N, C-alpha and C. Protein backbone atom coordinates (compact mmCIF):
# COMPACT_ATOMS: atom_id res chain seq x y z
N MET A 1 -17.84 -4.09 -23.92
CA MET A 1 -19.23 -4.12 -23.48
C MET A 1 -19.56 -5.47 -22.85
N GLU A 2 -18.98 -6.52 -23.34
CA GLU A 2 -19.25 -7.85 -22.81
C GLU A 2 -18.81 -7.96 -21.34
N VAL A 3 -17.68 -7.34 -20.99
CA VAL A 3 -17.20 -7.38 -19.62
C VAL A 3 -18.22 -6.70 -18.69
N SER A 4 -18.77 -5.58 -19.10
CA SER A 4 -19.76 -4.88 -18.30
C SER A 4 -20.99 -5.75 -18.07
N ALA A 5 -21.46 -6.42 -19.09
CA ALA A 5 -22.62 -7.30 -18.96
C ALA A 5 -22.30 -8.47 -18.03
N MET A 6 -21.09 -8.99 -18.12
CA MET A 6 -20.69 -10.09 -17.26
C MET A 6 -20.66 -9.62 -15.80
N ARG A 7 -20.20 -8.44 -15.55
CA ARG A 7 -20.17 -7.92 -14.18
C ARG A 7 -21.59 -7.73 -13.64
N GLN A 8 -22.49 -7.28 -14.47
CA GLN A 8 -23.89 -7.12 -14.05
C GLN A 8 -24.48 -8.47 -13.69
N THR A 9 -24.19 -9.48 -14.48
CA THR A 9 -24.67 -10.84 -14.20
C THR A 9 -24.09 -11.34 -12.88
N ASP A 10 -22.80 -11.11 -12.68
CA ASP A 10 -22.17 -11.52 -11.42
C ASP A 10 -22.81 -10.81 -10.24
N LEU A 11 -23.06 -9.53 -10.38
CA LEU A 11 -23.68 -8.75 -9.32
C LEU A 11 -25.08 -9.27 -9.01
N GLU A 12 -25.85 -9.53 -10.03
CA GLU A 12 -27.20 -10.06 -9.83
C GLU A 12 -27.16 -11.41 -9.12
N TYR A 13 -26.21 -12.26 -9.50
CA TYR A 13 -26.06 -13.56 -8.86
C TYR A 13 -25.74 -13.38 -7.37
N LEU A 14 -24.79 -12.49 -7.08
CA LEU A 14 -24.40 -12.27 -5.69
C LEU A 14 -25.55 -11.70 -4.86
N ILE A 15 -26.34 -10.83 -5.46
CA ILE A 15 -27.49 -10.28 -4.76
C ILE A 15 -28.49 -11.38 -4.43
N GLU A 16 -28.75 -12.24 -5.37
CA GLU A 16 -29.69 -13.35 -5.14
C GLU A 16 -29.17 -14.29 -4.06
N GLU A 17 -27.87 -14.56 -4.07
CA GLU A 17 -27.29 -15.42 -3.04
C GLU A 17 -27.38 -14.75 -1.66
N ALA A 18 -27.15 -13.45 -1.61
CA ALA A 18 -27.21 -12.73 -0.34
C ALA A 18 -28.63 -12.76 0.23
N LYS A 19 -29.63 -12.73 -0.63
CA LYS A 19 -31.02 -12.78 -0.17
C LYS A 19 -31.33 -14.08 0.57
N LYS A 20 -30.60 -15.14 0.25
CA LYS A 20 -30.83 -16.45 0.86
C LYS A 20 -30.17 -16.59 2.22
N HIS A 21 -29.23 -15.70 2.52
CA HIS A 21 -28.45 -15.83 3.75
C HIS A 21 -29.30 -15.52 4.98
N ARG A 22 -29.22 -16.35 5.97
CA ARG A 22 -29.88 -16.11 7.25
C ARG A 22 -28.79 -15.77 8.26
N VAL A 23 -28.99 -14.67 8.96
CA VAL A 23 -28.00 -14.21 9.93
C VAL A 23 -27.99 -15.17 11.12
N THR A 24 -26.80 -15.63 11.47
CA THR A 24 -26.65 -16.53 12.61
C THR A 24 -26.65 -15.71 13.90
N PRO A 25 -26.91 -16.35 15.02
CA PRO A 25 -26.84 -15.62 16.30
C PRO A 25 -25.47 -14.98 16.53
N GLU A 26 -24.42 -15.66 16.09
CA GLU A 26 -23.07 -15.11 16.26
C GLU A 26 -22.88 -13.85 15.40
N GLU A 27 -23.39 -13.89 14.17
CA GLU A 27 -23.30 -12.71 13.30
C GLU A 27 -24.11 -11.55 13.87
N ARG A 28 -25.30 -11.84 14.38
CA ARG A 28 -26.15 -10.81 14.96
C ARG A 28 -25.45 -10.18 16.17
N ASP A 29 -24.85 -11.01 17.01
CA ASP A 29 -24.15 -10.51 18.17
C ASP A 29 -22.99 -9.60 17.74
N ALA A 30 -22.23 -10.02 16.74
CA ALA A 30 -21.12 -9.20 16.25
C ALA A 30 -21.62 -7.88 15.66
N GLN A 31 -22.74 -7.92 14.96
CA GLN A 31 -23.32 -6.69 14.40
C GLN A 31 -23.77 -5.74 15.51
N ILE A 32 -24.39 -6.28 16.53
CA ILE A 32 -24.86 -5.46 17.65
C ILE A 32 -23.68 -4.76 18.31
N ARG A 33 -22.63 -5.52 18.57
CA ARG A 33 -21.45 -4.95 19.23
C ARG A 33 -20.78 -3.90 18.34
N SER A 34 -20.67 -4.18 17.06
CA SER A 34 -20.03 -3.25 16.14
C SER A 34 -20.84 -1.96 16.03
N PHE A 35 -22.14 -2.09 15.86
CA PHE A 35 -23.03 -0.94 15.75
C PHE A 35 -22.98 -0.10 17.03
N THR A 36 -23.05 -0.78 18.17
CA THR A 36 -23.04 -0.09 19.45
C THR A 36 -21.73 0.65 19.65
N PHE A 37 -20.62 -0.01 19.37
CA PHE A 37 -19.32 0.65 19.53
C PHE A 37 -19.21 1.85 18.60
N GLY A 38 -19.56 1.67 17.34
CA GLY A 38 -19.44 2.75 16.37
C GLY A 38 -20.23 3.98 16.76
N ASN A 39 -21.45 3.77 17.23
CA ASN A 39 -22.29 4.90 17.58
C ASN A 39 -21.92 5.55 18.91
N THR A 40 -21.56 4.74 19.90
CA THR A 40 -21.20 5.32 21.19
C THR A 40 -19.83 5.98 21.13
N HIS A 41 -18.92 5.40 20.35
CA HIS A 41 -17.58 5.96 20.25
C HIS A 41 -17.60 7.33 19.56
N LEU A 42 -18.56 7.54 18.67
CA LEU A 42 -18.70 8.85 18.04
C LEU A 42 -19.05 9.92 19.07
N GLU A 43 -19.87 9.55 20.02
CA GLU A 43 -20.31 10.49 21.05
C GLU A 43 -19.30 10.64 22.19
N ASN A 44 -18.57 9.55 22.45
CA ASN A 44 -17.64 9.56 23.58
C ASN A 44 -16.43 8.72 23.19
N SER A 45 -15.35 9.37 22.83
CA SER A 45 -14.18 8.65 22.31
C SER A 45 -13.47 7.81 23.37
N SER A 46 -13.87 7.94 24.63
CA SER A 46 -13.24 7.11 25.66
C SER A 46 -13.89 5.72 25.75
N ILE A 47 -15.01 5.51 25.06
CA ILE A 47 -15.67 4.21 25.04
C ILE A 47 -14.79 3.23 24.26
N THR A 48 -14.58 2.07 24.83
CA THR A 48 -13.76 1.04 24.18
C THR A 48 -14.64 -0.14 23.79
N ARG A 49 -14.10 -0.99 22.95
CA ARG A 49 -14.82 -2.23 22.60
C ARG A 49 -15.06 -3.07 23.84
N ALA A 50 -14.11 -3.06 24.75
CA ALA A 50 -14.29 -3.82 26.01
C ALA A 50 -15.47 -3.27 26.80
N ASP A 51 -15.64 -1.95 26.80
CA ASP A 51 -16.80 -1.36 27.49
C ASP A 51 -18.10 -1.85 26.85
N VAL A 52 -18.14 -1.89 25.53
CA VAL A 52 -19.33 -2.35 24.81
C VAL A 52 -19.57 -3.82 25.11
N ASP A 53 -18.52 -4.63 25.06
CA ASP A 53 -18.67 -6.05 25.35
C ASP A 53 -19.25 -6.25 26.75
N LYS A 54 -18.74 -5.51 27.72
CA LYS A 54 -19.23 -5.63 29.09
C LYS A 54 -20.70 -5.25 29.18
N ALA A 55 -21.08 -4.16 28.52
CA ALA A 55 -22.48 -3.71 28.56
C ALA A 55 -23.41 -4.70 27.88
N VAL A 56 -23.03 -5.18 26.70
CA VAL A 56 -23.87 -6.14 25.98
C VAL A 56 -23.99 -7.44 26.77
N ASP A 57 -22.87 -7.91 27.31
CA ASP A 57 -22.91 -9.15 28.08
C ASP A 57 -23.79 -9.02 29.32
N SER A 58 -23.81 -7.83 29.92
CA SER A 58 -24.63 -7.64 31.12
C SER A 58 -26.12 -7.64 30.79
N LEU A 59 -26.47 -7.35 29.53
CA LEU A 59 -27.87 -7.29 29.12
C LEU A 59 -28.39 -8.61 28.54
N LYS A 60 -27.50 -9.56 28.28
CA LYS A 60 -27.94 -10.82 27.68
C LYS A 60 -28.98 -11.48 28.57
N GLY A 61 -30.04 -11.94 27.94
CA GLY A 61 -31.12 -12.58 28.66
C GLY A 61 -32.18 -11.61 29.14
N SER A 62 -31.89 -10.32 28.98
CA SER A 62 -32.85 -9.31 29.41
C SER A 62 -33.91 -9.10 28.34
N SER A 63 -35.15 -8.93 28.75
CA SER A 63 -36.20 -8.65 27.77
C SER A 63 -36.20 -7.18 27.38
N ASP A 64 -35.33 -6.39 28.01
CA ASP A 64 -35.25 -4.97 27.71
C ASP A 64 -34.28 -4.65 26.57
N LEU A 65 -33.72 -5.66 25.95
CA LEU A 65 -32.80 -5.41 24.85
C LEU A 65 -33.55 -4.76 23.70
N PRO A 66 -33.05 -3.64 23.19
CA PRO A 66 -33.78 -2.91 22.14
C PRO A 66 -33.88 -3.67 20.82
N TRP A 67 -33.00 -4.62 20.59
CA TRP A 67 -33.01 -5.31 19.31
C TRP A 67 -33.78 -6.62 19.33
N VAL A 68 -34.31 -7.01 20.47
CA VAL A 68 -35.05 -8.27 20.57
C VAL A 68 -36.23 -8.27 19.61
N SER A 69 -36.93 -7.17 19.50
CA SER A 69 -38.11 -7.11 18.64
C SER A 69 -37.74 -7.20 17.17
N LEU A 70 -36.46 -6.98 16.85
CA LEU A 70 -36.02 -7.04 15.46
C LEU A 70 -35.56 -8.42 15.06
N ALA A 71 -35.38 -9.30 16.02
CA ALA A 71 -34.86 -10.63 15.73
C ALA A 71 -35.87 -11.45 14.92
N HIS A 72 -35.36 -12.15 13.93
CA HIS A 72 -36.20 -13.02 13.12
C HIS A 72 -36.27 -14.38 13.78
N THR A 73 -37.43 -14.94 13.81
CA THR A 73 -37.60 -16.30 14.31
C THR A 73 -38.14 -17.15 13.18
N ASP A 74 -37.39 -18.15 12.81
CA ASP A 74 -37.80 -19.05 11.71
C ASP A 74 -38.48 -20.27 12.24
């Protein structure tokens, strides 16, 4: 029983630490690319990561990016 309680404590600690993490621009970019590839590849298996990279890179700086409104500004 003590091991189970210790694991719960460890989990709670990790959750609290995760709450403090702020996503870096590099992490956000990687998440965007991963999400985009995963979803588009499901619909069209010929889509490659290179295709996603090209599309995302072509949109950088655009105010039409769908995730801009989700970005946190500290």
